Each structure stands twice: as structure tokens, then as C-alpha cells.
Amino acid sequence: MMVSRNADNPSDGSRLQNAAAAGGLLSAVAASSCCMLPLLLFALGASGPWIGTLVRLAPYQPYIIAVAVACLGCGYWLSHRSSNQQCAAACSTRSASKFVNPALVVGTLFVVAAIAFNLLWPLLTS
């Protein structure tokens, strides 16, 4: 028996939103891990040689930022698209889960902070 999947299934949309938000958040943390995370850990008093290994991710940071921007863009698009579709049916309900919107915002803040850190660090050290 052949089972057809309905592309308009709301659970598929929420899974995609959750996956895009989680991917954006994780890649945003990875993008900030080479520069901002060691600085934050040092500021909190953590030390050790393992913190220095996070700097090895620096050559990969542009690629990680690109993945983060793609995931966050997809997450924002899916969230906006589903809210428009549901608003046509009933504007009182929100389609985005309680995880998606905060994860997208936090991921965006991390990516912006990582980019700003890379741009401003040479000005601060000179």
C-alpha cells in the first residue's frame, strides 16, 4: 500500500521550523565559539588548554556563519510563511512553537555578535 504524504501537514511545518531554528542556533554558537566563547570563558574565570583548541575553528568560521545565516533565514521564512497561512484561517492562533522564535532571535544575536567581533577586534587591538 502506498502512503502519500501531505505537504500541507502542520506537523511537518513545525518540524521544519524546529529543525531550522535548532540548526541556526547550533551553527551560531559554533560560529562564535572560536573567538567570543574563549573570551567569555576567560571572563568567567575558566581556564585550561582546552580553551585554546577552540581557536582552531577560526579558519572555518566564514563557512559556519554562512550555514548559520542559511538556517536562520530558512527558519524565519518558515515561521513567517506559516503564520501568514494560519492567519488567513484564524488570526488568534500562532503557528511557531515557544522554541522557534526565541531560538531564531538568539541565533541571530550570536551571528551578529560573531561578525561584529571579527570586524571590531582589529580596531580594539591596535
PDB file of N, CA and C in Angstrom:
ATOM      1  N   MET A   1       0.842  -1.152   0.000  1.00  0.00           N
ATOM      2  CA  MET A   1       0.000   0.000   0.000  1.00  0.00           C
ATOM      3  C   MET A   1       0.900   1.231   0.000  1.00  0.00           C
ATOM      4  N   MET A   2       0.570   2.184  -0.801  1.00  0.00           N
ATOM      5  CA  MET A   2       1.356   3.399  -0.925  1.00  0.00           C
ATOM      6  C   MET A   2       0.760   4.487  -0.037  1.00  0.00           C
ATOM      7  N   VAL A   3       1.608   5.096   0.760  1.00  0.00           N
ATOM      8  CA  VAL A   3       1.165   6.146   1.665  1.00  0.00           C
ATOM      9  C   VAL A   3       1.612   7.478   1.087  1.00  0.00           C
ATOM     10  N   SER A   4       0.662   8.365   0.897  1.00  0.00           N
ATOM     11  CA  SER A   4       1.022   9.679   0.377  1.00  0.00           C
ATOM     12  C   SER A   4       1.172  10.647   1.540  1.00  0.00           C
ATOM     13  N   ARG A   5       2.168  11.481   1.419  1.00  0.00           N
ATOM     14  CA  ARG A   5       2.401  12.479   2.471  1.00  0.00           C
ATOM     15  C   ARG A   5       1.801  13.788   2.023  1.00  0.00           C
ATOM     16  N   ASN A   6       1.120  14.424   2.911  1.00  0.00           N
ATOM     17  CA  ASN A   6       0.525  15.704   2.629  1.00  0.00           C
ATOM     18  C   ASN A   6       1.539  16.790   2.962  1.00  0.00           C
ATOM     19  N   ALA A   7       1.905  17.612   1.975  1.00  0.00           N
ATOM     20  CA  ALA A   7       2.911  18.647   2.191  1.00  0.00           C
ATOM     21  C   ALA A   7       2.387  19.770   3.082  1.00  0.00           C
ATOM     22  N   ASP A   8       1.072  19.884   3.180  1.00  0.00           N
ATOM     23  CA  ASP A   8       0.491  20.942   3.985  1.00  0.00           C
ATOM     24  C   ASP A   8       0.226  20.505   5.414  1.00  0.00           C
ATOM     25  N   ASN A   9       0.755  19.365   5.794  1.00  0.00           N
ATOM     26  CA  ASN A   9       0.559  18.860   7.147  1.00  0.00           C
ATOM     27  C   ASN A   9       1.218  19.822   8.135  1.00  0.00           C
ATOM     28  N   PRO A  10       0.486  20.340   9.116  1.00  0.00           N
ATOM     29  CA  PRO A  10       1.078  21.300  10.033  1.00  0.00           C
ATOM     30  C   PRO A  10       2.209  20.733  10.873  1.00  0.00           C
ATOM     31  N   SER A  11       2.182  19.443  11.145  1.00  0.00           N
ATOM     32  CA  SER A  11       3.264  18.880  11.946  1.00  0.00           C
ATOM     33  C   SER A  11       4.578  18.868  11.172  1.00  0.00           C
ATOM     34  N   ASP A  12       4.510  18.695   9.841  1.00  0.00           N
ATOM     35  CA  ASP A  12       5.727  18.763   9.027  1.00  0.00           C
ATOM     36  C   ASP A  12       6.304  20.171   9.039  1.00  0.00           C
ATOM     37  N   GLY A  13       5.443  21.169   8.975  1.00  0.00           N
ATOM     38  CA  GLY A  13       5.903  22.550   9.007  1.00  0.00           C
ATOM     39  C   GLY A  13       6.548  22.903  10.330  1.00  0.00           C
ATOM     40  N   SER A  14       5.944  22.422  11.429  1.00  0.00           N
ATOM     41  CA  SER A  14       6.535  22.728  12.731  1.00  0.00           C
ATOM     42  C   SER A  14       7.839  21.975  12.927  1.00  0.00           C
ATOM     43  N   ARG A  15       7.944  20.775  12.371  1.00  0.00           N
ATOM     44  CA  ARG A  15       9.222  20.055  12.449  1.00  0.00           C
ATOM     45  C   ARG A  15      10.304  20.785  11.669  1.00  0.00           C
ATOM     46  N   LEU A  16       9.948  21.290  10.492  1.00  0.00           N
ATOM     47  CA  LEU A  16      10.917  22.046   9.702  1.00  0.00           C
ATOM     48  C   LEU A  16      11.323  23.330  10.419  1.00  0.00           C
ATOM     49  N   GLN A  17      10.357  24.001  11.037  1.00  0.00           N
ATOM     50  CA  GLN A  17      10.671  25.214  11.790  1.00  0.00           C
ATOM     51  C   GLN A  17      11.612  24.903  12.946  1.00  0.00           C
ATOM     52  N   ASN A  18      11.305  23.842  13.691  1.00  0.00           N
ATOM     53  CA  ASN A  18      12.158  23.460  14.816  1.00  0.00           C
ATOM     54  C   ASN A  18      13.555  23.072  14.345  1.00  0.00           C
ATOM     55  N   ALA A  19      13.638  22.338  13.234  1.00  0.00           N
ATOM     56  CA  ALA A  19      14.940  21.921  12.708  1.00  0.00           C
ATOM     57  C   ALA A  19      15.750  23.126  12.232  1.00  0.00           C
ATOM     58  N   ALA A  20      15.104  24.053  11.545  1.00  0.00           N
ATOM     59  CA  ALA A  20      15.808  25.246  11.069  1.00  0.00           C
ATOM     60  C   ALA A  20      16.256  26.118  12.240  1.00  0.00           C
ATOM     61  N   ALA A  21      15.403  26.262  13.241  1.00  0.00           N
ATOM     62  CA  ALA A  21      15.770  27.066  14.405  1.00  0.00           C
ATOM     63  C   ALA A  21      16.905  26.408  15.183  1.00  0.00           C
ATOM     64  N   ALA A  22      16.842  25.099  15.376  1.00  0.00           N
ATOM     65  CA  ALA A  22      17.910  24.393  16.088  1.00  0.00           C
ATOM     66  C   ALA A  22      19.209  24.435  15.301  1.00  0.00           C
ATOM     67  N   GLY A  23      19.138  24.246  13.987  1.00  0.00           N
ATOM     68  CA  GLY A  23      20.337  24.331  13.157  1.00  0.00           C
ATOM     69  C   GLY A  23      20.941  25.719  13.175  1.00  0.00           C
ATOM     70  N   GLY A  24      20.095  26.736  13.119  1.00  0.00           N
ATOM     71  CA  GLY A  24      20.591  28.101  13.188  1.00  0.00           C
ATOM     72  C   GLY A  24      21.226  28.417  14.520  1.00  0.00           C
ATOM     73  N   LEU A  25      20.602  27.948  15.595  1.00  0.00           N
ATOM     74  CA  LEU A  25      21.142  28.206  16.927  1.00  0.00           C
ATOM     75  C   LEU A  25      22.467  27.480  17.144  1.00  0.00           C
ATOM     76  N   LEU A  26      22.532  26.217  16.759  1.00  0.00           N
ATOM     77  CA  LEU A  26      23.771  25.447  16.937  1.00  0.00           C
ATOM     78  C   LEU A  26      24.905  25.992  16.074  1.00  0.00           C
ATOM     79  N   SER A  27      24.607  26.343  14.834  1.00  0.00           N
ATOM     80  CA  SER A  27      25.666  26.875  13.980  1.00  0.00           C
ATOM     81  C   SER A  27      26.069  28.283  14.416  1.00  0.00           C
ATOM     82  N   ALA A  28      25.149  29.045  15.000  1.00  0.00           N
ATOM     83  CA  ALA A  28      25.513  30.362  15.524  1.00  0.00           C
ATOM     84  C   ALA A  28      26.441  30.232  16.726  1.00  0.00           C
ATOM     85  N   VAL A  29      26.178  29.258  17.577  1.00  0.00           N
ATOM     86  CA  VAL A  29      27.076  29.005  18.710  1.00  0.00           C
ATOM     87  C   VAL A  29      28.434  28.542  18.197  1.00  0.00           C
ATOM     88  N   ALA A  30      28.435  27.695  17.168  1.00  0.00           N
ATOM     89  CA  ALA A  30      29.706  27.237  16.595  1.00  0.00           C
ATOM     90  C   ALA A  30      30.462  28.384  15.943  1.00  0.00           C
ATOM     91  N   ALA A  31      29.748  29.322  15.324  1.00  0.00           N
ATOM     92  CA  ALA A  31      30.402  30.461  14.683  1.00  0.00           C
ATOM     93  C   ALA A  31      31.051  31.371  15.713  1.00  0.00           C
ATOM     94  N   SER A  32      30.445  31.457  16.884  1.00  0.00           N
ATOM     95  CA  SER A  32      31.015  32.327  17.915  1.00  0.00           C
ATOM     96  C   SER A  32      31.999  31.590  18.820  1.00  0.00           C
ATOM     97  N   SER A  33      32.167  30.289  18.632  1.00  0.00           N
ATOM     98  CA  SER A  33      32.995  29.514  19.553  1.00  0.00           C
ATOM     99  C   SER A  33      34.482  29.764  19.386  1.00  0.00           C
ATOM    100  N   CYS A  34      34.925  30.218  18.234  1.00  0.00           N
ATOM    101  CA  CYS A  34      36.366  30.392  18.062  1.00  0.00           C
ATOM    102  C   CYS A  34      36.869  31.691  18.664  1.00  0.00           C
ATOM    103  N   CYS A  35      36.038  32.666  18.809  1.00  0.00           N
ATOM    104  CA  CYS A  35      36.510  33.969  19.276  1.00  0.00           C
ATOM    105  C   CYS A  35      35.798  34.439  20.539  1.00  0.00           C
ATOM    106  N   MET A  36      34.491  34.453  20.506  1.00  0.00           N
ATOM    107  CA  MET A  36      33.740  35.003  21.635  1.00  0.00           C
ATOM    108  C   MET A  36      33.649  34.034  22.804  1.00  0.00           C
ATOM    109  N   LEU A  37      33.507  32.762  22.535  1.00  0.00           N
ATOM    110  CA  LEU A  37      33.366  31.786  23.615  1.00  0.00           C
ATOM    111  C   LEU A  37      34.615  31.697  24.492  1.00  0.00           C
ATOM    112  N   PRO A  38      35.836  31.628  23.928  1.00  0.00           N
ATOM    113  CA  PRO A  38      37.008  31.642  24.814  1.00  0.00           C
ATOM    114  C   PRO A  38      37.112  32.926  25.630  1.00  0.00           C
ATOM    115  N   LEU A  39      36.777  34.056  25.034  1.00  0.00           N
ATOM    116  CA  LEU A  39      36.814  35.319  25.764  1.00  0.00           C
ATOM    117  C   LEU A  39      35.808  35.314  26.904  1.00  0.00           C
ATOM    118  N   LEU A  40      34.635  34.793  26.655  1.00  0.00           N
ATOM    119  CA  LEU A  40      33.607  34.699  27.692  1.00  0.00           C
ATOM    120  C   LEU A  40      34.034  33.744  28.802  1.00  0.00           C
ATOM    121  N   LEU A  41      34.619  32.610  28.427  1.00  0.00           N
ATOM    122  CA  LEU A  41      35.063  31.649  29.433  1.00  0.00           C
ATOM    123  C   LEU A  41      36.186  32.226  30.294  1.00  0.00           C
ATOM    124  N   PHE A  42      37.112  32.966  29.661  1.00  0.00           N
ATOM    125  CA  PHE A  42      38.162  33.613  30.439  1.00  0.00           C
ATOM    126  C   PHE A  42      37.583  34.663  31.371  1.00  0.00           C
ATOM    127  N   ALA A  43      36.586  35.398  30.910  1.00  0.00           N
ATOM    128  CA  ALA A  43      35.956  36.426  31.743  1.00  0.00           C
ATOM    129  C   ALA A  43      35.232  35.799  32.934  1.00  0.00           C
ATOM    130  N   LEU A  44      34.721  34.587  32.749  1.00  0.00           N
ATOM    131  CA  LEU A  44      34.038  33.891  33.841  1.00  0.00           C
ATOM    132  C   LEU A  44      35.001  33.158  34.765  1.00  0.00           C
ATOM    133  N   GLY A  45      36.287  33.147  34.429  1.00  0.00           N
ATOM    134  CA  GLY A  45      37.274  32.528  35.295  1.00  0.00           C
ATOM    135  C   GLY A  45      37.690  31.131  34.888  1.00  0.00           C
ATOM    136  N   ALA A  46      37.141  30.608  33.825  1.00  0.00           N
ATOM    137  CA  ALA A  46      37.528  29.277  33.365  1.00  0.00           C
ATOM    138  C   ALA A  46      38.855  29.377  32.619  1.00  0.00           C
ATOM    139  N   SER A  47      39.678  28.373  32.802  1.00  0.00           N
ATOM    140  CA  SER A  47      40.944  28.367  32.086  1.00  0.00           C
ATOM    141  C   SER A  47      41.334  26.933  31.806  1.00  0.00           C
ATOM    142  N   GLY A  48      42.301  26.785  30.972  1.00  0.00           N
ATOM    143  CA  GLY A  48      42.789  25.461  30.634  1.00  0.00           C
ATOM    144  C   GLY A  48      43.221  25.414  29.189  1.00  0.00           C
ATOM    145  N   PRO A  49      44.016  24.424  28.851  1.00  0.00           N
ATOM    146  CA  PRO A  49      44.500  24.333  27.474  1.00  0.00           C
ATOM    147  C   PRO A  49      43.398  23.979  26.478  1.00  0.00           C
ATOM    148  N   TRP A  50      42.320  23.390  26.943  1.00  0.00           N
ATOM    149  CA  TRP A  50      41.235  23.018  26.032  1.00  0.00           C
ATOM    150  C   TRP A  50      40.546  24.243  25.456  1.00  0.00           C
ATOM    151  N   ILE A  51      40.611  25.392  26.135  1.00  0.00           N
ATOM    152  CA  ILE A  51      40.001  26.605  25.605  1.00  0.00           C
ATOM    153  C   ILE A  51      40.768  27.071  24.371  1.00  0.00           C
ATOM    154  N   GLY A  52      42.081  26.877  24.383  1.00  0.00           N
ATOM    155  CA  GLY A  52      42.889  27.252  23.230  1.00  0.00           C
ATOM    156  C   GLY A  52      42.576  26.444  21.987  1.00  0.00           C
ATOM    157  N   THR A  53      42.048  25.246  22.162  1.00  0.00           N
ATOM    158  CA  THR A  53      41.705  24.441  20.992  1.00  0.00           C
ATOM    159  C   THR A  53      40.501  24.992  20.241  1.00  0.00           C
ATOM    160  N   LEU A  54      39.703  25.826  20.897  1.00  0.00           N
ATOM    161  CA  LEU A  54      38.566  26.428  20.207  1.00  0.00           C
ATOM    162  C   LEU A  54      39.017  27.395  19.113  1.00  0.00           C
ATOM    163  N   VAL A  55      40.226  27.929  19.241  1.00  0.00           N
ATOM    164  CA  VAL A  55      40.750  28.866  18.246  1.00  0.00           C
ATOM    165  C   VAL A  55      41.010  28.158  16.925  1.00  0.00           C
ATOM    166  N   ARG A  56      41.179  26.861  16.953  1.00  0.00           N
ATOM    167  CA  ARG A  56      41.410  26.101  15.721  1.00  0.00           C
ATOM    168  C   ARG A  56      40.217  26.156  14.780  1.00  0.00           C
ATOM    169  N   LEU A  57      39.048  26.561  15.277  1.00  0.00           N
ATOM    170  CA  LEU A  57      37.863  26.679  14.426  1.00  0.00           C
ATOM    171  C   LEU A  57      37.834  27.975  13.624  1.00  0.00           C
ATOM    172  N   ALA A  58      38.745  28.896  13.881  1.00  0.00           N
ATOM    173  CA  ALA A  58      38.735  30.205  13.231  1.00  0.00           C
ATOM    174  C   ALA A  58      38.774  30.140  11.701  1.00  0.00           C
ATOM    175  N   PRO A  59      39.570  29.263  11.065  1.00  0.00           N
ATOM    176  CA  PRO A  59      39.541  29.232   9.590  1.00  0.00           C
ATOM    177  C   PRO A  59      38.202  28.794   9.009  1.00  0.00           C
ATOM    178  N   TYR A  60      37.420  28.076   9.779  1.00  0.00           N
ATOM    179  CA  TYR A  60      36.134  27.581   9.300  1.00  0.00           C
ATOM    180  C   TYR A  60      34.974  28.519   9.631  1.00  0.00           C
ATOM    181  N   GLN A  61      35.260  29.612  10.325  1.00  0.00           N
ATOM    182  CA  GLN A  61      34.194  30.492  10.789  1.00  0.00           C
ATOM    183  C   GLN A  61      33.358  31.085   9.650  1.00  0.00           C
ATOM    184  N   PRO A  62      33.923  31.528   8.522  1.00  0.00           N
ATOM    185  CA  PRO A  62      33.059  32.054   7.456  1.00  0.00           C
ATOM    186  C   PRO A  62      32.068  31.019   6.924  1.00  0.00           C
ATOM    187  N   TYR A  63      32.500  29.771   6.841  1.00  0.00           N
ATOM    188  CA  TYR A  63      31.599  28.725   6.363  1.00  0.00           C
ATOM    189  C   TYR A  63      30.505  28.431   7.392  1.00  0.00           C
ATOM    190  N   ILE A  64      30.887  28.433   8.657  1.00  0.00           N
ATOM    191  CA  ILE A  64      29.906  28.187   9.720  1.00  0.00           C
ATOM    192  C   ILE A  64      28.905  29.335   9.780  1.00  0.00           C
ATOM    193  N   ILE A  65      29.374  30.562   9.583  1.00  0.00           N
ATOM    194  CA  ILE A  65      28.462  31.710   9.572  1.00  0.00           C
ATOM    195  C   ILE A  65      27.505  31.611   8.384  1.00  0.00           C
ATOM    196  N   ALA A  66      28.004  31.161   7.235  1.00  0.00           N
ATOM    197  CA  ALA A  66      27.134  31.002   6.070  1.00  0.00           C
ATOM    198  C   ALA A  66      26.039  29.968   6.331  1.00  0.00           C
ATOM    199  N   VAL A  67      26.397  28.860   6.975  1.00  0.00           N
ATOM    200  CA  VAL A  67      25.401  27.845   7.325  1.00  0.00           C
ATOM    201  C   VAL A  67      24.398  28.405   8.329  1.00  0.00           C
ATOM    202  N   ALA A  68      24.897  29.161   9.299  1.00  0.00           N
ATOM    203  CA  ALA A  68      24.011  29.753  10.304  1.00  0.00           C
ATOM    204  C   ALA A  68      23.028  30.726   9.666  1.00  0.00           C
ATOM    205  N   VAL A  69      23.519  31.564   8.756  1.00  0.00           N
ATOM    206  CA  VAL A  69      22.634  32.526   8.088  1.00  0.00           C
ATOM    207  C   VAL A  69      21.603  31.792   7.240  1.00  0.00           C
ATOM    208  N   ALA A  70      22.011  30.722   6.566  1.00  0.00           N
ATOM    209  CA  ALA A  70      21.063  29.949   5.758  1.00  0.00           C
ATOM    210  C   ALA A  70      19.993  29.302   6.640  1.00  0.00           C
ATOM    211  N   CYS A  71      20.396  28.695   7.739  1.00  0.00           N
ATOM    212  CA  CYS A  71      19.426  28.064   8.643  1.00  0.00           C
ATOM    213  C   CYS A  71      18.497  29.089   9.274  1.00  0.00           C
ATOM    214  N   LEU A  72      19.053  30.210   9.703  1.00  0.00           N
ATOM    215  CA  LEU A  72      18.222  31.247  10.312  1.00  0.00           C
ATOM    216  C   LEU A  72      17.276  31.854   9.288  1.00  0.00           C
ATOM    217  N   GLY A  73      17.757  32.093   8.084  1.00  0.00           N
ATOM    218  CA  GLY A  73      16.885  32.615   7.031  1.00  0.00           C
ATOM    219  C   GLY A  73      15.749  31.663   6.711  1.00  0.00           C
ATOM    220  N   CYS A  74      16.072  30.378   6.632  1.00  0.00           N
ATOM    221  CA  CYS A  74      15.036  29.367   6.394  1.00  0.00           C
ATOM    222  C   CYS A  74      14.048  29.322   7.555  1.00  0.00           C
ATOM    223  N   GLY A  75      14.550  29.413   8.763  1.00  0.00           N
ATOM    224  CA  GLY A  75      13.675  29.398   9.934  1.00  0.00           C
ATOM    225  C   GLY A  75      12.748  30.596   9.975  1.00  0.00           C
ATOM    226  N   TYR A  76      13.287  31.796   9.687  1.00  0.00           N
ATOM    227  CA  TYR A  76      12.447  32.988   9.651  1.00  0.00           C
ATOM    228  C   TYR A  76      11.408  32.890   8.539  1.00  0.00           C
ATOM    229  N   TRP A  77      11.831  32.375   7.370  1.00  0.00           N
ATOM    230  CA  TRP A  77      10.901  32.251   6.250  1.00  0.00           C
ATOM    231  C   TRP A  77       9.784  31.259   6.578  1.00  0.00           C
ATOM    232  N   LEU A  78      10.150  30.112   7.144  1.00  0.00           N
ATOM    233  CA  LEU A  78       9.127  29.127   7.503  1.00  0.00           C
ATOM    234  C   LEU A  78       8.188  29.665   8.579  1.00  0.00           C
ATOM    235  N   SER A  79       8.726  30.368   9.530  1.00  0.00           N
ATOM    236  CA  SER A  79       7.902  30.932  10.592  1.00  0.00           C
ATOM    237  C   SER A  79       6.951  31.992  10.043  1.00  0.00           C
ATOM    238  N   HIS A  80       7.460  32.854   9.182  1.00  0.00           N
ATOM    239  CA  HIS A  80       6.628  33.912   8.606  1.00  0.00           C
ATOM    240  C   HIS A  80       5.573  33.327   7.668  1.00  0.00           C
ATOM    241  N   ARG A  81       5.982  32.339   6.868  1.00  0.00           N
ATOM    242  CA  ARG A  81       5.058  31.721   5.913  1.00  0.00           C
ATOM    243  C   ARG A  81       3.931  31.007   6.629  1.00  0.00           C
ATOM    244  N   SER A  82       4.269  30.259   7.675  1.00  0.00           N
ATOM    245  CA  SER A  82       3.223  29.515   8.374  1.00  0.00           C
ATOM    246  C   SER A  82       2.313  30.447   9.150  1.00  0.00           C
ATOM    247  N   SER A  83       2.857  31.557   9.662  1.00  0.00           N
ATOM    248  CA  SER A  83       1.982  32.482  10.387  1.00  0.00           C
ATOM    249  C   SER A  83       1.042  33.185   9.419  1.00  0.00           C
ATOM    250  N   ASN A  84       1.500  33.448   8.192  1.00  0.00           N
ATOM    251  CA  ASN A  84       0.601  34.040   7.200  1.00  0.00           C
ATOM    252  C   ASN A  84      -0.486  33.063   6.789  1.00  0.00           C
ATOM    253  N   GLN A  85      -0.145  31.789   6.633  1.00  0.00           N
ATOM    254  CA  GLN A  85      -1.136  30.787   6.243  1.00  0.00           C
ATOM    255  C   GLN A  85      -2.157  30.582   7.342  1.00  0.00           C
ATOM    256  N   GLN A  86      -1.714  30.541   8.572  1.00  0.00           N
ATOM    257  CA  GLN A  86      -2.654  30.338   9.660  1.00  0.00           C
ATOM    258  C   GLN A  86      -3.460  31.590   9.941  1.00  0.00           C
ATOM    259  N   CYS A  87      -2.891  32.753   9.678  1.00  0.00           N
ATOM    260  CA  CYS A  87      -3.616  33.986   9.937  1.00  0.00           C
ATOM    261  C   CYS A  87      -4.778  34.118   8.964  1.00  0.00           C
ATOM    262  N   ALA A  88      -4.640  33.532   7.799  1.00  0.00           N
ATOM    263  CA  ALA A  88      -5.756  33.556   6.867  1.00  0.00           C
ATOM    264  C   ALA A  88      -6.914  32.728   7.418  1.00  0.00           C
ATOM    265  N   ALA A  89      -6.594  31.661   8.155  1.00  0.00           N
ATOM    266  CA  ALA A  89      -7.648  30.812   8.710  1.00  0.00           C
ATOM    267  C   ALA A  89      -8.172  31.382  10.023  1.00  0.00           C
ATOM    268  N   ALA A  90      -7.282  31.677  10.936  1.00  0.00           N
ATOM    269  CA  ALA A  90      -7.691  32.209  12.239  1.00  0.00           C
ATOM    270  C   ALA A  90      -6.527  32.979  12.830  1.00  0.00           C
ATOM    271  N   CYS A  91      -6.645  34.264  12.948  1.00  0.00           N
ATOM    272  CA  CYS A  91      -5.531  35.097  13.393  1.00  0.00           C
ATOM    273  C   CYS A  91      -5.241  34.962  14.879  1.00  0.00           C
ATOM    274  N   SER A  92      -6.078  34.283  15.605  1.00  0.00           N
ATOM    275  CA  SER A  92      -5.851  34.178  17.045  1.00  0.00           C
ATOM    276  C   SER A  92      -4.823  33.112  17.407  1.00  0.00           C
ATOM    277  N   THR A  93      -4.468  32.233  16.489  1.00  0.00           N
ATOM    278  CA  THR A  93      -3.505  31.172  16.792  1.00  0.00           C
ATOM    279  C   THR A  93      -2.156  31.512  16.186  1.00  0.00           C
ATOM    280  N   ARG A  94      -1.112  31.109  16.866  1.00  0.00           N
ATOM    281  CA  ARG A  94       0.247  31.292  16.366  1.00  0.00           C
ATOM    282  C   ARG A  94       0.812  29.920  16.042  1.00  0.00           C
ATOM    283  N   SER A  95       1.483  29.815  14.888  1.00  0.00           N
ATOM    284  CA  SER A  95       1.986  28.514  14.469  1.00  0.00           C
ATOM    285  C   SER A  95       3.355  28.204  15.058  1.00  0.00           C
ATOM    286  N   ALA A  96       4.155  29.209  15.287  1.00  0.00           N
ATOM    287  CA  ALA A  96       5.509  28.958  15.783  1.00  0.00           C
ATOM    288  C   ALA A  96       5.447  28.491  17.229  1.00  0.00           C
ATOM    289  N   SER A  97       6.219  27.484  17.511  1.00  0.00           N
ATOM    290  CA  SER A  97       6.241  26.971  18.872  1.00  0.00           C
ATOM    291  C   SER A  97       6.977  27.944  19.776  1.00  0.00           C
ATOM    292  N   LYS A  98       6.971  27.646  21.047  1.00  0.00           N
ATOM    293  CA  LYS A  98       7.648  28.514  22.009  1.00  0.00           C
ATOM    294  C   LYS A  98       9.162  28.415  21.879  1.00  0.00           C
ATOM    295  N   PHE A  99       9.650  27.447  21.124  1.00  0.00           N
ATOM    296  CA  PHE A  99      11.083  27.282  20.929  1.00  0.00           C
ATOM    297  C   PHE A  99      11.587  28.058  19.717  1.00  0.00           C
ATOM    298  N   VAL A 100      10.800  28.111  18.655  1.00  0.00           N
ATOM    299  CA  VAL A 100      11.281  28.605  17.368  1.00  0.00           C
ATOM    300  C   VAL A 100      11.659  30.087  17.419  1.00  0.00           C
ATOM    301  N   ASN A 101      10.749  30.939  17.830  1.00  0.00           N
ATOM    302  CA  ASN A 101      11.032  32.379  17.800  1.00  0.00           C
ATOM    303  C   ASN A 101      12.193  32.773  18.709  1.00  0.00           C
ATOM    304  N   PRO A 102      12.249  32.320  19.969  1.00  0.00           N
ATOM    305  CA  PRO A 102      13.424  32.678  20.778  1.00  0.00           C
ATOM    306  C   PRO A 102      14.727  32.098  20.233  1.00  0.00           C
ATOM    307  N   ALA A 103      14.683  30.890  19.681  1.00  0.00           N
ATOM    308  CA  ALA A 103      15.897  30.288  19.125  1.00  0.00           C
ATOM    309  C   ALA A 103      16.382  31.077  17.914  1.00  0.00           C
ATOM    310  N   LEU A 104      15.464  31.540  17.078  1.00  0.00           N
ATOM    311  CA  LEU A 104      15.859  32.344  15.929  1.00  0.00           C
ATOM    312  C   LEU A 104      16.459  33.673  16.358  1.00  0.00           C
ATOM    313  N   VAL A 105      15.875  34.298  17.361  1.00  0.00           N
ATOM    314  CA  VAL A 105      16.387  35.583  17.836  1.00  0.00           C
ATOM    315  C   VAL A 105      17.766  35.416  18.477  1.00  0.00           C
ATOM    316  N   VAL A 106      17.922  34.410  19.337  1.00  0.00           N
ATOM    317  CA  VAL A 106      19.215  34.181  19.994  1.00  0.00           C
ATOM    318  C   VAL A 106      20.275  33.801  18.961  1.00  0.00           C
ATOM    319  N   GLY A 107      19.915  32.962  18.005  1.00  0.00           N
ATOM    320  CA  GLY A 107      20.853  32.597  16.945  1.00  0.00           C
ATOM    321  C   GLY A 107      21.277  33.801  16.121  1.00  0.00           C
ATOM    322  N   THR A 108      20.331  34.671  15.819  1.00  0.00           N
ATOM    323  CA  THR A 108      20.646  35.889  15.074  1.00  0.00           C
ATOM    324  C   THR A 108      21.586  36.787  15.870  1.00  0.00           C
ATOM    325  N   LEU A 109      21.325  36.921  17.163  1.00  0.00           N
ATOM    326  CA  LEU A 109      22.202  37.735  18.011  1.00  0.00           C
ATOM    327  C   LEU A 109      23.619  37.170  18.053  1.00  0.00           C
ATOM    328  N   PHE A 110      23.741  35.839  18.147  1.00  0.00           N
ATOM    329  CA  PHE A 110      25.073  35.222  18.158  1.00  0.00           C
ATOM    330  C   PHE A 110      25.809  35.454  16.844  1.00  0.00           C
ATOM    331  N   VAL A 111      25.116  35.313  15.729  1.00  0.00           N
ATOM    332  CA  VAL A 111      25.765  35.507  14.430  1.00  0.00           C
ATOM    333  C   VAL A 111      26.181  36.959  14.257  1.00  0.00           C
ATOM    334  N   VAL A 112      25.309  37.887  14.616  1.00  0.00           N
ATOM    335  CA  VAL A 112      25.651  39.307  14.513  1.00  0.00           C
ATOM    336  C   VAL A 112      26.828  39.629  15.438  1.00  0.00           C
ATOM    337  N   ALA A 113      26.821  39.059  16.636  1.00  0.00           N
ATOM    338  CA  ALA A 113      27.932  39.305  17.566  1.00  0.00           C
ATOM    339  C   ALA A 113      29.237  38.719  17.033  1.00  0.00           C
ATOM    340  N   ALA A 114      29.183  37.537  16.426  1.00  0.00           N
ATOM    341  CA  ALA A 114      30.406  36.932  15.878  1.00  0.00           C
ATOM    342  C   ALA A 114      30.951  37.761  14.722  1.00  0.00           C
ATOM    343  N   ILE A 115      30.068  38.256  13.871  1.00  0.00           N
ATOM    344  CA  ILE A 115      30.518  39.086  12.754  1.00  0.00           C
ATOM    345  C   ILE A 115      31.070  40.411  13.274  1.00  0.00           C
ATOM    346  N   ALA A 116      30.375  41.014  14.213  1.00  0.00           N
ATOM    347  CA  ALA A 116      30.832  42.289  14.778  1.00  0.00           C
ATOM    348  C   ALA A 116      32.164  42.121  15.505  1.00  0.00           C
ATOM    349  N   PHE A 117      32.317  41.014  16.212  1.00  0.00           N
ATOM    350  CA  PHE A 117      33.576  40.754  16.919  1.00  0.00           C
ATOM    351  C   PHE A 117      34.736  40.657  15.933  1.00  0.00           C
ATOM    352  N   ASN A 118      34.500  39.969  14.820  1.00  0.00           N
ATOM    353  CA  ASN A 118      35.559  39.830  13.814  1.00  0.00           C
ATOM    354  C   ASN A 118      35.897  41.167  13.167  1.00  0.00           C
ATOM    355  N   LEU A 119      34.902  42.018  12.989  1.00  0.00           N
ATOM    356  CA  LEU A 119      35.155  43.307  12.368  1.00  0.00           C
ATOM    357  C   LEU A 119      35.777  44.311  13.336  1.00  0.00           C
ATOM    358  N   LEU A 120      35.387  44.250  14.601  1.00  0.00           N
ATOM    359  CA  LEU A 120      35.850  45.237  15.571  1.00  0.00           C
ATOM    360  C   LEU A 120      37.132  44.844  16.302  1.00  0.00           C
ATOM    361  N   TRP A 121      37.482  43.568  16.328  1.00  0.00           N
ATOM    362  CA  TRP A 121      38.653  43.121  17.069  1.00  0.00           C
ATOM    363  C   TRP A 121      39.944  43.789  16.584  1.00  0.00           C
ATOM    364  N   PRO A 122      40.179  43.901  15.272  1.00  0.00           N
ATOM    365  CA  PRO A 122      41.401  44.582  14.848  1.00  0.00           C
ATOM    366  C   PRO A 122      41.444  46.051  15.293  1.00  0.00           C
ATOM    367  N   LEU A 123      40.310  46.702  15.380  1.00  0.00           N
ATOM    368  CA  LEU A 123      40.280  48.092  15.844  1.00  0.00           C
ATOM    369  C   LEU A 123      40.575  48.203  17.331  1.00  0.00           C
ATOM    370  N   LEU A 124      40.165  47.193  18.089  1.00  0.00           N
ATOM    371  CA  LEU A 124      40.379  47.218  19.534  1.00  0.00           C
ATOM    372  C   LEU A 124      41.794  46.858  19.934  1.00  0.00           C
ATOM    373  N   THR A 125      42.447  46.031  19.130  1.00  0.00           N
ATOM    374  CA  THR A 125      43.793  45.576  19.481  1.00  0.00           C
ATOM    375  C   THR A 125      44.877  46.519  18.987  1.00  0.00           C
ATOM    376  N   SER A 126      44.557  47.422  18.102  1.00  0.00           N
ATOM    377  CA  SER A 126      45.613  48.310  17.580  1.00  0.00           C
ATOM    378  C   SER A 126      45.716  49.599  18.360  1.00  0.00           C
TER     379      SER A 126
END
